[in-house]
Amino acid sequence: MYRKGEVTYQALPLPDRVQVAPAQSLAQAEAFRDQMRKRHSVRRFSPDPVDEAVIRACIETAAGAPSGANHQPWHFAAVSDAALRARIREGAEAEERAFYAGGAGDEWLAALEPIGTGVDKPHLTEAPWLIVVFAERYGFTEDGTRYKNYYVPESVGIATGFLIAAIHQAGLVTLPHTPNPMAFLNPLLNRPAHEKPMFILPVGYPAADATVPAVAKRKKPLGRVMSLNGG
């Protein structure tokens, strides 16, 4: 991204101002809240295609997220090839078999029971797109010098949140899928060893018979997840 010593601090006037009147600010915040409340993690997808330009726009949104030292320690591998999606599903289900066979532990499996998940992951082949999010443990300058990345999990988590919101805004659905471990994805997607796969996001339209687990609609009340410390 950078050549060592080439980049120094330079202040720029704020390029974009989105400030609005207080009443409009509240209205916009509430409208976005209400829109995001309609977001659901979906496991049944329609085979209807999604244009590549839509996927690109969603990933561009994620790529603009804030990150530690602005190192942008992420890579988004978008996959539409059916054969490759099938291989990703095969690898993910192999890890899930080990997980459900005892690797998870009884308490974790009991917590997952109301969600209705299992070894089979048909969404990985039903969805027309998969986006695999990689975290870059360290990077390289344009001349090949290795440099350290900072706050990598936090930065990638923020970017993935941006991506999920963008997918929802585009009228699509997704499901954050995290088989563990996921090292099988690096060779499949030709990604280097210093990148760690963090999420598989199937992306598409919901199937006509799509459902969500009832428990997913139970959200903690605001008073349990928020505290105010005013003056």
C-alpha atoms as a PDB file:
ATOM      1  CA  MET A   1       0.000   0.000   0.000  1.00  0.00           C
ATOM      2  CA  TYR A   2       2.743   2.434   0.963  1.00  0.00           C
ATOM      3  CA  ARG A   3       6.451   2.775   0.408  1.00  0.00           C
ATOM      4  CA  LYS A   4       8.318   3.242   3.670  1.00  0.00           C
ATOM      5  CA  GLY A   5       8.816   6.915   4.474  1.00  0.00           C
ATOM      6  CA  GLU A   6       6.617   8.184   1.639  1.00  0.00           C
ATOM      7  CA  VAL A   7       3.528   9.017   3.675  1.00  0.00           C
ATOM      8  CA  THR A   8       3.482  11.730   6.313  1.00  0.00           C
ATOM      9  CA  TYR A   9       0.657  13.451   8.129  1.00  0.00           C
ATOM     10  CA  GLN A  10      -1.184  16.072   6.089  1.00  0.00           C
ATOM     11  CA  ALA A  11      -4.456  17.655   7.186  1.00  0.00           C
ATOM     12  CA  LEU A  12      -7.253  17.969   4.627  1.00  0.00           C
ATOM     13  CA  PRO A  13     -10.467  19.942   5.032  1.00  0.00           C
ATOM     14  CA  LEU A  14     -13.345  17.594   5.816  1.00  0.00           C
ATOM     15  CA  PRO A  15     -14.280  16.473   2.280  1.00  0.00           C
ATOM     16  CA  ASP A  16     -17.891  15.488   3.005  1.00  0.00           C
ATOM     17  CA  ARG A  17     -20.303  16.992   5.479  1.00  0.00           C
ATOM     18  CA  VAL A  18     -23.492  15.080   6.175  1.00  0.00           C
ATOM     19  CA  GLN A  19     -24.679  17.186   9.114  1.00  0.00           C
ATOM     20  CA  VAL A  20     -28.406  17.905   9.134  1.00  0.00           C
ATOM     21  CA  ALA A  21     -30.824  19.697  11.438  1.00  0.00           C
ATOM     22  CA  PRO A  22     -31.469  17.921  14.767  1.00  0.00           C
ATOM     23  CA  ALA A  23     -35.012  16.891  13.850  1.00  0.00           C
ATOM     24  CA  GLN A  24     -33.822  15.433  10.547  1.00  0.00           C
ATOM     25  CA  SER A  25     -30.953  13.713  12.334  1.00  0.00           C
ATOM     26  CA  LEU A  26     -33.378  11.846  14.571  1.00  0.00           C
ATOM     27  CA  ALA A  27     -35.615  10.968  11.630  1.00  0.00           C
ATOM     28  CA  GLN A  28     -32.689   9.583   9.652  1.00  0.00           C
ATOM     29  CA  ALA A  29     -31.388   7.609  12.631  1.00  0.00           C
ATOM     30  CA  GLU A  30     -34.813   6.105  13.243  1.00  0.00           C
ATOM     31  CA  ALA A  31     -35.313   5.307   9.558  1.00  0.00           C
ATOM     32  CA  PHE A  32     -31.994   3.481   9.414  1.00  0.00           C
ATOM     33  CA  ARG A  33     -32.805   1.648  12.661  1.00  0.00           C
ATOM     34  CA  ASP A  34     -36.145   0.543  11.253  1.00  0.00           C
ATOM     35  CA  GLN A  35     -34.528  -0.577   8.003  1.00  0.00           C
ATOM     36  CA  MET A  36     -31.897  -2.629   9.825  1.00  0.00           C
ATOM     37  CA  ARG A  37     -34.561  -4.224  12.021  1.00  0.00           C
ATOM     38  CA  LYS A  38     -35.811  -5.874   8.834  1.00  0.00           C
ATOM     39  CA  ARG A  39     -32.452  -7.597   8.369  1.00  0.00           C
ATOM     40  CA  HIS A  40     -32.546 -11.351   8.963  1.00  0.00           C
ATOM     41  CA  SER A  41     -29.988 -14.116   8.687  1.00  0.00           C
ATOM     42  CA  VAL A  42     -31.414 -16.399   5.999  1.00  0.00           C
ATOM     43  CA  ARG A  43     -30.445 -19.999   5.254  1.00  0.00           C
ATOM     44  CA  ARG A  44     -32.656 -20.643   2.225  1.00  0.00           C
ATOM     45  CA  PHE A  45     -31.813 -18.775  -0.964  1.00  0.00           C
ATOM     46  CA  SER A  46     -33.473 -18.286  -4.314  1.00  0.00           C
ATOM     47  CA  PRO A  47     -31.466 -19.340  -7.378  1.00  0.00           C
ATOM     48  CA  ASP A  48     -32.208 -15.962  -8.977  1.00  0.00           C
ATOM     49  CA  PRO A  49     -28.960 -14.323 -10.123  1.00  0.00           C
ATOM     50  CA  VAL A  50     -27.476 -11.193  -8.607  1.00  0.00           C
ATOM     51  CA  ASP A  51     -25.573  -8.819 -10.867  1.00  0.00           C
ATOM     52  CA  GLU A  52     -21.836  -8.616 -10.247  1.00  0.00           C
ATOM     53  CA  ALA A  53     -22.080  -4.824 -10.107  1.00  0.00           C
ATOM     54  CA  VAL A  54     -24.262  -5.090  -6.988  1.00  0.00           C
ATOM     55  CA  ILE A  55     -21.699  -7.313  -5.263  1.00  0.00           C
ATOM     56  CA  ARG A  56     -18.921  -4.901  -6.228  1.00  0.00           C
ATOM     57  CA  ALA A  57     -20.829  -1.939  -4.801  1.00  0.00           C
ATOM     58  CA  CYS A  58     -21.446  -3.763  -1.514  1.00  0.00           C
ATOM     59  CA  ILE A  59     -17.774  -4.687  -1.200  1.00  0.00           C
ATOM     60  CA  GLU A  60     -16.742  -1.120  -2.037  1.00  0.00           C
ATOM     61  CA  THR A  61     -18.832   0.005   0.929  1.00  0.00           C
ATOM     62  CA  ALA A  62     -17.034  -2.475   3.199  1.00  0.00           C
ATOM     63  CA  ALA A  63     -13.622  -1.512   1.837  1.00  0.00           C
ATOM     64  CA  GLY A  64     -14.227   2.081   2.926  1.00  0.00           C
ATOM     65  CA  ALA A  65     -14.596   1.150   6.597  1.00  0.00           C
ATOM     66  CA  PRO A  66     -12.252   2.660   9.202  1.00  0.00           C
ATOM     67  CA  SER A  67      -9.254   0.541  10.206  1.00  0.00           C
ATOM     68  CA  GLY A  68      -6.235   0.584  12.500  1.00  0.00           C
ATOM     69  CA  ALA A  69      -3.639   3.031  11.074  1.00  0.00           C
ATOM     70  CA  ASN A  70      -5.730   2.983   7.861  1.00  0.00           C
ATOM     71  CA  HIS A  71      -3.981  -0.256   6.841  1.00  0.00           C
ATOM     72  CA  GLN A  72      -7.258  -1.781   5.615  1.00  0.00           C
ATOM     73  CA  PRO A  73      -6.245  -5.317   6.653  1.00  0.00           C
ATOM     74  CA  TRP A  74      -8.851  -7.220   4.676  1.00  0.00           C
ATOM     75  CA  HIS A  75      -9.566  -9.009   1.438  1.00  0.00           C
ATOM     76  CA  PHE A  76     -13.001  -9.904   0.065  1.00  0.00           C
ATOM     77  CA  ALA A  77     -13.104 -12.935  -2.238  1.00  0.00           C
ATOM     78  CA  ALA A  78     -16.371 -12.957  -4.197  1.00  0.00           C
ATOM     79  CA  VAL A  79     -17.319 -16.347  -5.645  1.00  0.00           C
ATOM     80  CA  SER A  80     -20.053 -17.039  -8.180  1.00  0.00           C
ATOM     81  CA  ASP A  81     -18.573 -20.152  -9.851  1.00  0.00           C
ATOM     82  CA  ALA A  82     -20.875 -23.072  -9.002  1.00  0.00           C
ATOM     83  CA  ALA A  83     -18.107 -25.674  -8.872  1.00  0.00           C
ATOM     84  CA  LEU A  84     -16.030 -23.552  -6.526  1.00  0.00           C
ATOM     85  CA  ARG A  85     -19.015 -22.867  -4.293  1.00  0.00           C
ATOM     86  CA  ALA A  86     -19.564 -26.630  -4.111  1.00  0.00           C
ATOM     87  CA  ARG A  87     -15.964 -27.172  -3.021  1.00  0.00           C
ATOM     88  CA  ILE A  88     -16.312 -24.477  -0.367  1.00  0.00           C
ATOM     89  CA  ARG A  89     -19.464 -26.166   0.908  1.00  0.00           C
ATOM     90  CA  GLU A  90     -17.679 -29.517   0.995  1.00  0.00           C
ATOM     91  CA  GLY A  91     -14.843 -28.052   3.063  1.00  0.00           C
ATOM     92  CA  ALA A  92     -17.192 -26.217   5.396  1.00  0.00           C
ATOM     93  CA  GLU A  93     -19.340 -29.275   6.021  1.00  0.00           C
ATOM     94  CA  ALA A  94     -16.248 -31.353   6.811  1.00  0.00           C
ATOM     95  CA  GLU A  95     -15.399 -28.890   9.587  1.00  0.00           C
ATOM     96  CA  GLU A  96     -19.013 -28.848  10.755  1.00  0.00           C
ATOM     97  CA  ARG A  97     -19.067 -32.647  11.071  1.00  0.00           C
ATOM     98  CA  ALA A  98     -16.127 -32.467  13.469  1.00  0.00           C
ATOM     99  CA  PHE A  99     -17.796 -29.586  15.317  1.00  0.00           C
ATOM    100  CA  TYR A 100     -21.103 -31.387  15.834  1.00  0.00           C
ATOM    101  CA  ALA A 101     -19.380 -34.696  16.601  1.00  0.00           C
ATOM    102  CA  GLY A 102     -17.970 -33.315  19.824  1.00  0.00           C
ATOM    103  CA  GLY A 103     -15.586 -30.512  18.990  1.00  0.00           C
ATOM    104  CA  ALA A 104     -18.078 -27.895  20.136  1.00  0.00           C
ATOM    105  CA  GLY A 105     -18.942 -29.267  23.553  1.00  0.00           C
ATOM    106  CA  ASP A 106     -22.409 -29.889  24.974  1.00  0.00           C
ATOM    107  CA  GLU A 107     -23.032 -26.340  26.195  1.00  0.00           C
ATOM    108  CA  TRP A 108     -22.323 -24.778  22.788  1.00  0.00           C
ATOM    109  CA  LEU A 109     -24.474 -27.325  20.976  1.00  0.00           C
ATOM    110  CA  ALA A 110     -27.317 -26.717  23.421  1.00  0.00           C
ATOM    111  CA  ALA A 111     -27.065 -22.969  22.739  1.00  0.00           C
ATOM    112  CA  LEU A 112     -27.321 -23.608  18.994  1.00  0.00           C
ATOM    113  CA  GLU A 113     -30.319 -25.957  19.218  1.00  0.00           C
ATOM    114  CA  PRO A 114     -32.978 -23.167  19.079  1.00  0.00           C
ATOM    115  CA  ILE A 115     -31.290 -21.777  15.958  1.00  0.00           C
ATOM    116  CA  GLY A 116     -31.848 -25.046  14.098  1.00  0.00           C
ATOM    117  CA  THR A 117     -28.384 -25.332  12.592  1.00  0.00           C
ATOM    118  CA  GLY A 118     -26.670 -28.591  11.659  1.00  0.00           C
ATOM    119  CA  VAL A 119     -23.943 -30.129   9.534  1.00  0.00           C
ATOM    120  CA  ASP A 120     -25.655 -29.543   6.174  1.00  0.00           C
ATOM    121  CA  LYS A 121     -25.022 -26.101   4.690  1.00  0.00           C
ATOM    122  CA  PRO A 122     -27.113 -25.921   1.494  1.00  0.00           C
ATOM    123  CA  HIS A 123     -27.008 -22.113   1.559  1.00  0.00           C
ATOM    124  CA  LEU A 124     -23.374 -22.301   0.435  1.00  0.00           C
ATOM    125  CA  THR A 125     -24.447 -23.681  -2.927  1.00  0.00           C
ATOM    126  CA  GLU A 126     -27.966 -22.256  -3.185  1.00  0.00           C
ATOM    127  CA  ALA A 127     -26.877 -18.620  -2.910  1.00  0.00           C
ATOM    128  CA  PRO A 128     -25.610 -17.243  -6.239  1.00  0.00           C
ATOM    129  CA  TRP A 129     -22.653 -15.556  -4.504  1.00  0.00           C
ATOM    130  CA  LEU A 130     -20.331 -16.248  -1.612  1.00  0.00           C
ATOM    131  CA  ILE A 131     -18.169 -13.487  -0.186  1.00  0.00           C
ATOM    132  CA  VAL A 132     -15.288 -14.805   1.897  1.00  0.00           C
ATOM    133  CA  VAL A 133     -13.791 -12.179   4.218  1.00  0.00           C
ATOM    134  CA  PHE A 134     -10.081 -12.547   4.970  1.00  0.00           C
ATOM    135  CA  ALA A 135      -8.127 -10.767   7.694  1.00  0.00           C
ATOM    136  CA  GLU A 136      -4.607  -9.736   6.682  1.00  0.00           C
ATOM    137  CA  ARG A 137      -2.270 -10.473   9.595  1.00  0.00           C
ATOM    138  CA  TYR A 138       0.450  -8.305   8.061  1.00  0.00           C
ATOM    139  CA  GLY A 139       0.937  -6.515   4.763  1.00  0.00           C
ATOM    140  CA  PHE A 140       3.597  -5.616   2.246  1.00  0.00           C
ATOM    141  CA  THR A 141       4.568  -2.253   0.796  1.00  0.00           C
ATOM    142  CA  GLU A 142       4.785  -1.843  -2.961  1.00  0.00           C
ATOM    143  CA  ASP A 143       8.496  -2.643  -2.804  1.00  0.00           C
ATOM    144  CA  GLY A 144       7.863  -5.868  -0.876  1.00  0.00           C
ATOM    145  CA  THR A 145       8.723  -4.691   2.621  1.00  0.00           C
ATOM    146  CA  ARG A 146       6.646  -6.389   5.283  1.00  0.00           C
ATOM    147  CA  TYR A 147       4.743  -4.192   7.746  1.00  0.00           C
ATOM    148  CA  LYS A 148       2.553  -4.850  10.770  1.00  0.00           C
ATOM    149  CA  ASN A 149      -1.198  -4.379  10.755  1.00  0.00           C
ATOM    150  CA  TYR A 150      -2.965  -3.076  13.838  1.00  0.00           C
ATOM    151  CA  TYR A 151      -6.322  -3.893  15.425  1.00  0.00           C
ATOM    152  CA  VAL A 152      -6.926  -6.491  12.743  1.00  0.00           C
ATOM    153  CA  PRO A 153      -9.944  -8.353  14.250  1.00  0.00           C
ATOM    154  CA  GLU A 154     -11.603  -5.077  15.195  1.00  0.00           C
ATOM    155  CA  SER A 155     -11.016  -3.551  11.757  1.00  0.00           C
ATOM    156  CA  VAL A 156     -12.276  -6.611   9.878  1.00  0.00           C
ATOM    157  CA  GLY A 157     -15.295  -6.827  12.165  1.00  0.00           C
ATOM    158  CA  ILE A 158     -16.220  -3.220  11.392  1.00  0.00           C
ATOM    159  CA  ALA A 159     -15.778  -3.779   7.647  1.00  0.00           C
ATOM    160  CA  THR A 160     -17.912  -6.916   7.761  1.00  0.00           C
ATOM    161  CA  GLY A 161     -20.632  -4.971   9.549  1.00  0.00           C
ATOM    162  CA  PHE A 162     -20.521  -2.397   6.759  1.00  0.00           C
ATOM    163  CA  LEU A 163     -20.781  -5.242   4.227  1.00  0.00           C
ATOM    164  CA  ILE A 164     -23.795  -6.845   5.902  1.00  0.00           C
ATOM    165  CA  ALA A 165     -25.563  -3.469   6.049  1.00  0.00           C
ATOM    166  CA  ALA A 166     -24.778  -2.821   2.365  1.00  0.00           C
ATOM    167  CA  ILE A 167     -26.122  -6.245   1.364  1.00  0.00           C
ATOM    168  CA  HIS A 168     -29.346  -5.522   3.239  1.00  0.00           C
ATOM    169  CA  GLN A 169     -29.602  -2.058   1.689  1.00  0.00           C
ATOM    170  CA  ALA A 170     -29.323  -3.691  -1.749  1.00  0.00           C
ATOM    171  CA  GLY A 171     -32.442  -5.765  -1.036  1.00  0.00           C
ATOM    172  CA  LEU A 172     -30.486  -8.984  -0.565  1.00  0.00           C
ATOM    173  CA  VAL A 173     -29.991 -11.355   2.352  1.00  0.00           C
ATOM    174  CA  THR A 174     -26.972 -13.032   3.865  1.00  0.00           C
ATOM    175  CA  LEU A 175     -25.849 -15.228   6.737  1.00  0.00           C
ATOM    176  CA  PRO A 176     -22.532 -14.793   8.567  1.00  0.00           C
ATOM    177  CA  HIS A 177     -21.111 -18.318   8.430  1.00  0.00           C
ATOM    178  CA  THR A 178     -17.996 -19.228  10.408  1.00  0.00           C
ATOM    179  CA  PRO A 179     -16.876 -22.853  10.160  1.00  0.00           C
ATOM    180  CA  ASN A 180     -13.810 -23.374  12.315  1.00  0.00           C
ATOM    181  CA  PRO A 181     -11.064 -23.811  11.326  1.00  0.00           C
ATOM    182  CA  MET A 182     -11.307 -22.283   7.848  1.00  0.00           C
ATOM    183  CA  ALA A 183      -7.773 -22.731   6.523  1.00  0.00           C
ATOM    184  CA  PHE A 184      -9.168 -24.865   3.683  1.00  0.00           C
ATOM    185  CA  LEU A 185     -10.326 -21.631   2.046  1.00  0.00           C
ATOM    186  CA  ASN A 186      -6.853 -20.218   1.391  1.00  0.00           C
ATOM    187  CA  PRO A 187      -5.809 -22.745  -1.273  1.00  0.00           C
ATOM    188  CA  LEU A 188      -9.299 -22.858  -2.764  1.00  0.00           C
ATOM    189  CA  LEU A 189      -9.303 -19.090  -3.293  1.00  0.00           C
ATOM    190  CA  ASN A 190      -5.579 -18.630  -3.946  1.00  0.00           C
ATOM    191  CA  ARG A 191      -5.073 -16.441  -0.908  1.00  0.00           C
ATOM    192  CA  PRO A 192      -1.690 -16.235   0.865  1.00  0.00           C
ATOM    193  CA  ALA A 193      -1.022 -17.866   4.223  1.00  0.00           C
ATOM    194  CA  HIS A 194      -0.823 -14.523   6.057  1.00  0.00           C
ATOM    195  CA  GLU A 195      -4.523 -13.944   5.355  1.00  0.00           C
ATOM    196  CA  LYS A 196      -6.929 -15.586   7.794  1.00  0.00           C
ATOM    197  CA  PRO A 197     -10.472 -16.397   6.592  1.00  0.00           C
ATOM    198  CA  MET A 198     -12.996 -14.944   9.041  1.00  0.00           C
ATOM    199  CA  PHE A 199     -16.449 -15.171   7.452  1.00  0.00           C
ATOM    200  CA  ILE A 200     -18.279 -16.824   4.581  1.00  0.00           C
ATOM    201  CA  LEU A 201     -21.249 -14.693   3.552  1.00  0.00           C
ATOM    202  CA  PRO A 202     -23.716 -16.316   1.131  1.00  0.00           C
ATOM    203  CA  VAL A 203     -25.497 -13.520  -0.725  1.00  0.00           C
ATOM    204  CA  GLY A 204     -28.679 -13.561  -2.773  1.00  0.00           C
ATOM    205  CA  TYR A 205     -32.451 -13.274  -2.606  1.00  0.00           C
ATOM    206  CA  PRO A 206     -34.432 -15.241  -0.018  1.00  0.00           C
ATOM    207  CA  ALA A 207     -36.208 -18.377  -1.194  1.00  0.00           C
ATOM    208  CA  ALA A 208     -39.981 -18.210  -1.432  1.00  0.00           C
ATOM    209  CA  ASP A 209     -40.210 -20.564   1.543  1.00  0.00           C
ATOM    210  CA  ALA A 210     -37.404 -18.923   3.562  1.00  0.00           C
ATOM    211  CA  THR A 211     -37.825 -19.006   7.324  1.00  0.00           C
ATOM    212  CA  VAL A 212     -35.977 -17.704  10.374  1.00  0.00           C
ATOM    213  CA  PRO A 213     -35.844 -19.316  13.818  1.00  0.00           C
ATOM    214  CA  ALA A 214     -38.398 -17.787  16.170  1.00  0.00           C
ATOM    215  CA  VAL A 215     -35.725 -17.210  18.784  1.00  0.00           C
ATOM    216  CA  ALA A 216     -33.882 -14.901  16.378  1.00  0.00           C
ATOM    217  CA  LYS A 217     -36.628 -12.311  16.860  1.00  0.00           C
ATOM    218  CA  ARG A 218     -35.894 -12.107  20.569  1.00  0.00           C
ATOM    219  CA  LYS A 219     -33.599  -9.140  21.106  1.00  0.00           C
ATOM    220  CA  LYS A 220     -32.369  -7.813  24.413  1.00  0.00           C
ATOM    221  CA  PRO A 221     -34.195  -4.622  25.430  1.00  0.00           C
ATOM    222  CA  LEU A 222     -32.224  -1.424  24.997  1.00  0.00           C
ATOM    223  CA  GLY A 223     -31.912  -0.977  28.745  1.00  0.00           C
ATOM    224  CA  ARG A 224     -29.836  -4.157  28.976  1.00  0.00           C
ATOM    225  CA  VAL A 225     -27.389  -3.267  26.225  1.00  0.00           C
ATOM    226  CA  MET A 226     -27.071   0.493  26.695  1.00  0.00           C
ATOM    227  CA  SER A 227     -26.100   2.765  29.575  1.00  0.00           C
ATOM    228  CA  LEU A 228     -26.101   6.557  29.642  1.00  0.00           C
ATOM    229  CA  ASN A 229     -23.466   8.506  31.498  1.00  0.00           C
ATOM    230  CA  GLY A 230     -24.565  12.086  31.097  1.00  0.00           C
ATOM    231  CA  GLY A 231     -23.254  15.178  32.782  1.00  0.00           C
END
